[in-house]
Amino acid sequence: MELDLKGLQCPLPVLRANKAIRGFAPGTQIEILVTDSNAPADFQSFCKTAGHDFLECVDGGDFMKIVIRTKAE
């Protein structure tokens, strides 16, 4: 599953991802594309608080790909 949230600034990437995640099955791996330089730290905090797994952040040049796995219920 991929969410393209490029061009959005904090806190919108996390808010939009959180809304989308609610419809995903537990344990779903999601690739989130962002351009906000604060997004990796924001998503690490979000995952810690919500119980999701922050798997990695990959620099794609003009964007970053953040990979998370939704918490197992």
PDB file of N, CA and C in Angstrom:
ATOM      1  N   MET A   1       0.861  -1.170   0.000  1.00  0.00           N
ATOM      2  CA  MET A   1       0.000   0.000   0.000  1.00  0.00           C
ATOM      3  C   MET A   1       0.903   1.226   0.000  1.00  0.00           C
ATOM      4  N   GLU A   2       0.549   2.238  -0.800  1.00  0.00           N
ATOM      5  CA  GLU A   2       1.340   3.459  -0.868  1.00  0.00           C
ATOM      6  C   GLU A   2       0.444   4.678  -0.687  1.00  0.00           C
ATOM      7  N   LEU A   3       0.922   5.623   0.122  1.00  0.00           N
ATOM      8  CA  LEU A   3       0.240   6.908   0.307  1.00  0.00           C
ATOM      9  C   LEU A   3       1.169   7.996  -0.194  1.00  0.00           C
ATOM     10  N   ASP A   4       0.725   8.772  -1.165  1.00  0.00           N
ATOM     11  CA  ASP A   4       1.528   9.874  -1.688  1.00  0.00           C
ATOM     12  C   ASP A   4       1.092  11.154  -0.982  1.00  0.00           C
ATOM     13  N   LEU A   5       1.912  11.592  -0.036  1.00  0.00           N
ATOM     14  CA  LEU A   5       1.617  12.792   0.742  1.00  0.00           C
ATOM     15  C   LEU A   5       2.654  13.883   0.489  1.00  0.00           C
ATOM     16  N   LYS A   6       3.283  13.822  -0.685  1.00  0.00           N
ATOM     17  CA  LYS A   6       4.287  14.824  -1.044  1.00  0.00           C
ATOM     18  C   LYS A   6       3.630  16.199  -1.144  1.00  0.00           C
ATOM     19  N   GLY A   7       4.375  17.211  -0.741  1.00  0.00           N
ATOM     20  CA  GLY A   7       3.903  18.584  -0.817  1.00  0.00           C
ATOM     21  C   GLY A   7       3.156  19.060   0.418  1.00  0.00           C
ATOM     22  N   LEU A   8       2.822  18.144   1.316  1.00  0.00           N
ATOM     23  CA  LEU A   8       2.115  18.516   2.544  1.00  0.00           C
ATOM     24  C   LEU A   8       3.117  18.824   3.649  1.00  0.00           C
ATOM     25  N   GLN A   9       2.800  19.797   4.466  1.00  0.00           N
ATOM     26  CA  GLN A   9       3.658  20.184   5.579  1.00  0.00           C
ATOM     27  C   GLN A   9       3.044  19.715   6.904  1.00  0.00           C
ATOM     28  N   CYS A  10       3.906  19.553   7.891  1.00  0.00           N
ATOM     29  CA  CYS A  10       3.510  19.147   9.238  1.00  0.00           C
ATOM     30  C   CYS A  10       2.337  20.003   9.727  1.00  0.00           C
ATOM     31  N   PRO A  11       1.337  19.407  10.294  1.00  0.00           N
ATOM     32  CA  PRO A  11       1.167  18.010  10.686  1.00  0.00           C
ATOM     33  C   PRO A  11       0.352  17.187   9.686  1.00  0.00           C
ATOM     34  N   LEU A  12       0.079  17.735   8.498  1.00  0.00           N
ATOM     35  CA  LEU A  12      -0.820  17.071   7.554  1.00  0.00           C
ATOM     36  C   LEU A  12      -0.404  15.658   7.129  1.00  0.00           C
ATOM     37  N   PRO A  13       0.885  15.372   6.863  1.00  0.00           N
ATOM     38  CA  PRO A  13       1.209  13.991   6.484  1.00  0.00           C
ATOM     39  C   PRO A  13       0.772  12.961   7.532  1.00  0.00           C
ATOM     40  N   VAL A  14       1.046  13.236   8.800  1.00  0.00           N
ATOM     41  CA  VAL A  14       0.666  12.297   9.859  1.00  0.00           C
ATOM     42  C   VAL A  14      -0.851  12.226   9.995  1.00  0.00           C
ATOM     43  N   LEU A  15      -1.522  13.357   9.932  1.00  0.00           N
ATOM     44  CA  LEU A  15      -2.983  13.362  10.062  1.00  0.00           C
ATOM     45  C   LEU A  15      -3.648  12.589   8.923  1.00  0.00           C
ATOM     46  N   ARG A  16      -3.189  12.796   7.710  1.00  0.00           N
ATOM     47  CA  ARG A  16      -3.776  12.086   6.560  1.00  0.00           C
ATOM     48  C   ARG A  16      -3.461  10.597   6.613  1.00  0.00           C
ATOM     49  N   ALA A  17      -2.240  10.255   6.995  1.00  0.00           N
ATOM     50  CA  ALA A  17      -1.878   8.839   7.114  1.00  0.00           C
ATOM     51  C   ALA A  17      -2.706   8.171   8.202  1.00  0.00           C
ATOM     52  N   ASN A  18      -2.876   8.831   9.331  1.00  0.00           N
ATOM     53  CA  ASN A  18      -3.667   8.271  10.425  1.00  0.00           C
ATOM     54  C   ASN A  18      -5.099   7.991   9.971  1.00  0.00           C
ATOM     55  N   LYS A  19      -5.677   8.904   9.230  1.00  0.00           N
ATOM     56  CA  LYS A  19      -7.037   8.722   8.731  1.00  0.00           C
ATOM     57  C   LYS A  19      -7.107   7.526   7.783  1.00  0.00           C
ATOM     58  N   ALA A  20      -6.127   7.407   6.887  1.00  0.00           N
ATOM     59  CA  ALA A  20      -6.111   6.296   5.930  1.00  0.00           C
ATOM     60  C   ALA A  20      -5.894   4.958   6.620  1.00  0.00           C
ATOM     61  N   ILE A  21      -5.014   4.940   7.627  1.00  0.00           N
ATOM     62  CA  ILE A  21      -4.662   3.700   8.326  1.00  0.00           C
ATOM     63  C   ILE A  21      -5.883   3.059   8.986  1.00  0.00           C
ATOM     64  N   ARG A  22      -6.809   3.849   9.401  1.00  0.00           N
ATOM     65  CA  ARG A  22      -8.005   3.309  10.063  1.00  0.00           C
ATOM     66  C   ARG A  22      -8.743   2.295   9.205  1.00  0.00           C
ATOM     67  N   GLY A  23      -8.612   2.405   7.892  1.00  0.00           N
ATOM     68  CA  GLY A  23      -9.291   1.473   6.989  1.00  0.00           C
ATOM     69  C   GLY A  23      -8.455   0.276   6.586  1.00  0.00           C
ATOM     70  N   PHE A  24      -7.221   0.175   7.076  1.00  0.00           N
ATOM     71  CA  PHE A  24      -6.332  -0.914   6.695  1.00  0.00           C
ATOM     72  C   PHE A  24      -6.409  -2.061   7.696  1.00  0.00           C
ATOM     73  N   ALA A  25      -6.133  -3.248   7.205  1.00  0.00           N
ATOM     74  CA  ALA A  25      -6.093  -4.430   8.066  1.00  0.00           C
ATOM     75  C   ALA A  25      -4.885  -4.347   8.999  1.00  0.00           C
ATOM     76  N   PRO A  26      -4.979  -4.910  10.195  1.00  0.00           N
ATOM     77  CA  PRO A  26      -3.836  -4.954  11.103  1.00  0.00           C
ATOM     78  C   PRO A  26      -2.641  -5.628  10.427  1.00  0.00           C
ATOM     79  N   GLY A  27      -1.459  -5.089  10.658  1.00  0.00           N
ATOM     80  CA  GLY A  27      -0.241  -5.665  10.092  1.00  0.00           C
ATOM     81  C   GLY A  27       0.057  -5.249   8.662  1.00  0.00           C
ATOM     82  N   THR A  28      -0.700  -4.305   8.117  1.00  0.00           N
ATOM     83  CA  THR A  28      -0.474  -3.838   6.751  1.00  0.00           C
ATOM     84  C   THR A  28       0.790  -2.986   6.683  1.00  0.00           C
ATOM     85  N   GLN A  29       1.643  -3.258   5.709  1.00  0.00           N
ATOM     86  CA  GLN A  29       2.839  -2.445   5.503  1.00  0.00           C
ATOM     87  C   GLN A  29       2.483  -1.317   4.532  1.00  0.00           C
ATOM     88  N   ILE A  30       2.854  -0.097   4.902  1.00  0.00           N
ATOM     89  CA  ILE A  30       2.482   1.081   4.134  1.00  0.00           C
ATOM     90  C   ILE A  30       3.732   1.884   3.802  1.00  0.00           C
ATOM     91  N   GLU A  31       3.856   2.296   2.548  1.00  0.00           N
ATOM     92  CA  GLU A  31       4.920   3.187   2.113  1.00  0.00           C
ATOM     93  C   GLU A  31       4.310   4.579   1.975  1.00  0.00           C
ATOM     94  N   ILE A  32       4.878   5.531   2.685  1.00  0.00           N
ATOM     95  CA  ILE A  32       4.351   6.895   2.711  1.00  0.00           C
ATOM     96  C   ILE A  32       5.397   7.812   2.085  1.00  0.00           C
ATOM     97  N   LEU A  33       5.014   8.484   1.007  1.00  0.00           N
ATOM     98  CA  LEU A  33       5.925   9.383   0.309  1.00  0.00           C
ATOM     99  C   LEU A  33       5.697  10.804   0.797  1.00  0.00           C
ATOM    100  N   VAL A  34       6.764  11.452   1.262  1.00  0.00           N
ATOM    101  CA  VAL A  34       6.660  12.789   1.849  1.00  0.00           C
ATOM    102  C   VAL A  34       7.807  13.677   1.374  1.00  0.00           C
ATOM    103  N   THR A  35       7.596  14.987   1.452  1.00  0.00           N
ATOM    104  CA  THR A  35       8.645  15.958   1.148  1.00  0.00           C
ATOM    105  C   THR A  35       8.997  16.805   2.372  1.00  0.00           C
ATOM    106  N   ASP A  36       8.191  16.771   3.397  1.00  0.00           N
ATOM    107  CA  ASP A  36       8.428  17.557   4.615  1.00  0.00           C
ATOM    108  C   ASP A  36       9.607  16.953   5.382  1.00  0.00           C
ATOM    109  N   SER A  37      10.646  17.745   5.607  1.00  0.00           N
ATOM    110  CA  SER A  37      11.845  17.234   6.287  1.00  0.00           C
ATOM    111  C   SER A  37      11.587  16.819   7.731  1.00  0.00           C
ATOM    112  N   ASN A  38      10.504  17.297   8.329  1.00  0.00           N
ATOM    113  CA  ASN A  38      10.154  16.908   9.700  1.00  0.00           C
ATOM    114  C   ASN A  38       9.360  15.602   9.757  1.00  0.00           C
ATOM    115  N   ALA A  39       8.909  15.113   8.629  1.00  0.00           N
ATOM    116  CA  ALA A  39       8.036  13.936   8.605  1.00  0.00           C
ATOM    117  C   ALA A  39       8.638  12.686   9.245  1.00  0.00           C
ATOM    118  N   PRO A  40       9.911  12.350   9.005  1.00  0.00           N
ATOM    119  CA  PRO A  40      10.428  11.138   9.644  1.00  0.00           C
ATOM    120  C   PRO A  40      10.304  11.165  11.170  1.00  0.00           C
ATOM    121  N   ALA A  41      10.680  12.260  11.789  1.00  0.00           N
ATOM    122  CA  ALA A  41      10.561  12.366  13.247  1.00  0.00           C
ATOM    123  C   ALA A  41       9.102  12.354  13.674  1.00  0.00           C
ATOM    124  N   ASP A  42       8.248  13.023  12.905  1.00  0.00           N
ATOM    125  CA  ASP A  42       6.815  13.034  13.216  1.00  0.00           C
ATOM    126  C   ASP A  42       6.237  11.627  13.153  1.00  0.00           C
ATOM    127  N   PHE A  43       6.606  10.859  12.128  1.00  0.00           N
ATOM    128  CA  PHE A  43       6.073   9.505  11.991  1.00  0.00           C
ATOM    129  C   PHE A  43       6.648   8.560  13.045  1.00  0.00           C
ATOM    130  N   GLN A  44       7.894   8.768  13.462  1.00  0.00           N
ATOM    131  CA  GLN A  44       8.443   7.945  14.542  1.00  0.00           C
ATOM    132  C   GLN A  44       7.646   8.169  15.824  1.00  0.00           C
ATOM    133  N   SER A  45       7.350   9.415  16.129  1.00  0.00           N
ATOM    134  CA  SER A  45       6.549   9.736  17.323  1.00  0.00           C
ATOM    135  C   SER A  45       5.145   9.179  17.197  1.00  0.00           C
ATOM    136  N   PHE A  46       4.551   9.354  16.038  1.00  0.00           N
ATOM    137  CA  PHE A  46       3.198   8.849  15.792  1.00  0.00           C
ATOM    138  C   PHE A  46       3.142   7.335  15.985  1.00  0.00           C
ATOM    139  N   CYS A  47       4.101   6.629  15.402  1.00  0.00           N
ATOM    140  CA  CYS A  47       4.107   5.164  15.511  1.00  0.00           C
ATOM    141  C   CYS A  47       4.279   4.716  16.954  1.00  0.00           C
ATOM    142  N   LYS A  48       5.156   5.382  17.673  1.00  0.00           N
ATOM    143  CA  LYS A  48       5.386   5.020  19.084  1.00  0.00           C
ATOM    144  C   LYS A  48       4.109   5.217  19.891  1.00  0.00           C
ATOM    145  N   THR A  49       3.418   6.313  19.651  1.00  0.00           N
ATOM    146  CA  THR A  49       2.190   6.621  20.389  1.00  0.00           C
ATOM    147  C   THR A  49       1.040   5.693  20.000  1.00  0.00           C
ATOM    148  N   ALA A  50       0.905   5.411  18.695  1.00  0.00           N
ATOM    149  CA  ALA A  50      -0.232   4.633  18.199  1.00  0.00           C
ATOM    150  C   ALA A  50      -0.002   3.128  18.211  1.00  0.00           C
ATOM    151  N   GLY A  51       1.244   2.697  18.417  1.00  0.00           N
ATOM    152  CA  GLY A  51       1.526   1.265  18.462  1.00  0.00           C
ATOM    153  C   GLY A  51       1.882   0.650  17.126  1.00  0.00           C
ATOM    154  N   HIS A  52       2.106   1.486  16.109  1.00  0.00           N
ATOM    155  CA  HIS A  52       2.532   0.983  14.802  1.00  0.00           C
ATOM    156  C   HIS A  52       4.050   0.794  14.808  1.00  0.00           C
ATOM    157  N   ASP A  53       4.564   0.052  13.820  1.00  0.00           N
ATOM    158  CA  ASP A  53       6.007  -0.159  13.698  1.00  0.00           C
ATOM    159  C   ASP A  53       6.575   0.779  12.642  1.00  0.00           C
ATOM    160  N   PHE A  54       7.544   1.606  13.020  1.00  0.00           N
ATOM    161  CA  PHE A  54       8.282   2.436  12.074  1.00  0.00           C
ATOM    162  C   PHE A  54       9.407   1.567  11.549  1.00  0.00           C
ATOM    163  N   LEU A  55       9.357   1.194  10.273  1.00  0.00           N
ATOM    164  CA  LEU A  55      10.327   0.248   9.729  1.00  0.00           C
ATOM    165  C   LEU A  55      11.557   0.922   9.142  1.00  0.00           C
ATOM    166  N   GLU A  56      11.354   1.973   8.345  1.00  0.00           N
ATOM    167  CA  GLU A  56      12.508   2.652   7.757  1.00  0.00           C
ATOM    168  C   GLU A  56      12.105   3.963   7.106  1.00  0.00           C
ATOM    169  N   CYS A  57      13.115   4.755   6.833  1.00  0.00           N
ATOM    170  CA  CYS A  57      12.954   5.987   6.062  1.00  0.00           C
ATOM    171  C   CYS A  57      14.058   5.985   5.019  1.00  0.00           C
ATOM    172  N   VAL A  58      13.669   6.062   3.755  1.00  0.00           N
ATOM    173  CA  VAL A  58      14.622   6.014   2.649  1.00  0.00           C
ATOM    174  C   VAL A  58      14.590   7.346   1.913  1.00  0.00           C
ATOM    175  N   ASP A  59      15.770   7.926   1.689  1.00  0.00           N
ATOM    176  CA  ASP A  59      15.876   9.185   0.952  1.00  0.00           C
ATOM    177  C   ASP A  59      15.757   8.886  -0.539  1.00  0.00           C
ATOM    178  N   GLY A  60      14.731   9.441  -1.166  1.00  0.00           N
ATOM    179  CA  GLY A  60      14.514   9.239  -2.591  1.00  0.00           C
ATOM    180  C   GLY A  60      14.968  10.419  -3.430  1.00  0.00           C
ATOM    181  N   GLY A  61      15.788  11.287  -2.870  1.00  0.00           N
ATOM    182  CA  GLY A  61      16.249  12.460  -3.594  1.00  0.00           C
ATOM    183  C   GLY A  61      15.392  13.666  -3.270  1.00  0.00           C
ATOM    184  N   ASP A  62      14.331  13.875  -4.040  1.00  0.00           N
ATOM    185  CA  ASP A  62      13.451  15.021  -3.796  1.00  0.00           C
ATOM    186  C   ASP A  62      12.270  14.675  -2.896  1.00  0.00           C
ATOM    187  N   PHE A  63      12.244  13.455  -2.380  1.00  0.00           N
ATOM    188  CA  PHE A  63      11.210  13.029  -1.423  1.00  0.00           C
ATOM    189  C   PHE A  63      11.793  11.931  -0.538  1.00  0.00           C
ATOM    190  N   MET A  64      11.068  11.572   0.504  1.00  0.00           N
ATOM    191  CA  MET A  64      11.454  10.472   1.383  1.00  0.00           C
ATOM    192  C   MET A  64      10.348   9.431   1.381  1.00  0.00           C
ATOM    193  N   LYS A  65      10.736   8.187   1.508  1.00  0.00           N
ATOM    194  CA  LYS A  65       9.766   7.094   1.631  1.00  0.00           C
ATOM    195  C   LYS A  65       9.861   6.551   3.047  1.00  0.00           C
ATOM    196  N   ILE A  66       8.769   6.690   3.761  1.00  0.00           N
ATOM    197  CA  ILE A  66       8.675   6.186   5.129  1.00  0.00           C
ATOM    198  C   ILE A  66       7.849   4.897   5.076  1.00  0.00           C
ATOM    199  N   VAL A  67       8.372   3.856   5.686  1.00  0.00           N
ATOM    200  CA  VAL A  67       7.678   2.571   5.695  1.00  0.00           C
ATOM    201  C   VAL A  67       7.274   2.242   7.115  1.00  0.00           C
ATOM    202  N   ILE A  68       5.972   1.997   7.291  1.00  0.00           N
ATOM    203  CA  ILE A  68       5.461   1.605   8.601  1.00  0.00           C
ATOM    204  C   ILE A  68       4.586   0.364   8.446  1.00  0.00           C
ATOM    205  N   ARG A  69       4.368  -0.324   9.561  1.00  0.00           N
ATOM    206  CA  ARG A  69       3.452  -1.460   9.594  1.00  0.00           C
ATOM    207  C   ARG A  69       2.411  -1.153  10.670  1.00  0.00           C
ATOM    208  N   THR A  70       1.138  -1.286  10.285  1.00  0.00           N
ATOM    209  CA  THR A  70       0.073  -0.993  11.258  1.00  0.00           C
ATOM    210  C   THR A  70       0.103  -2.034  12.367  1.00  0.00           C
ATOM    211  N   LYS A  71      -0.319  -1.595  13.542  1.00  0.00           N
ATOM    212  CA  LYS A  71      -0.268  -2.490  14.699  1.00  0.00           C
ATOM    213  C   LYS A  71      -1.179  -3.688  14.491  1.00  0.00           C
ATOM    214  N   ALA A  72      -0.740  -4.809  15.030  1.00  0.00           N
ATOM    215  CA  ALA A  72      -1.556  -6.016  15.011  1.00  0.00           C
ATOM    216  C   ALA A  72      -2.580  -5.901  16.136  1.00  0.00           C
ATOM    217  N   GLU A  73      -3.795  -6.253  15.863  1.00  0.00           N
ATOM    218  CA  GLU A  73      -4.840  -6.107  16.871  1.00  0.00           C
ATOM    219  C   GLU A  73      -5.004  -7.350  17.702  1.00  0.00           C
TER     220      GLU A  73
END
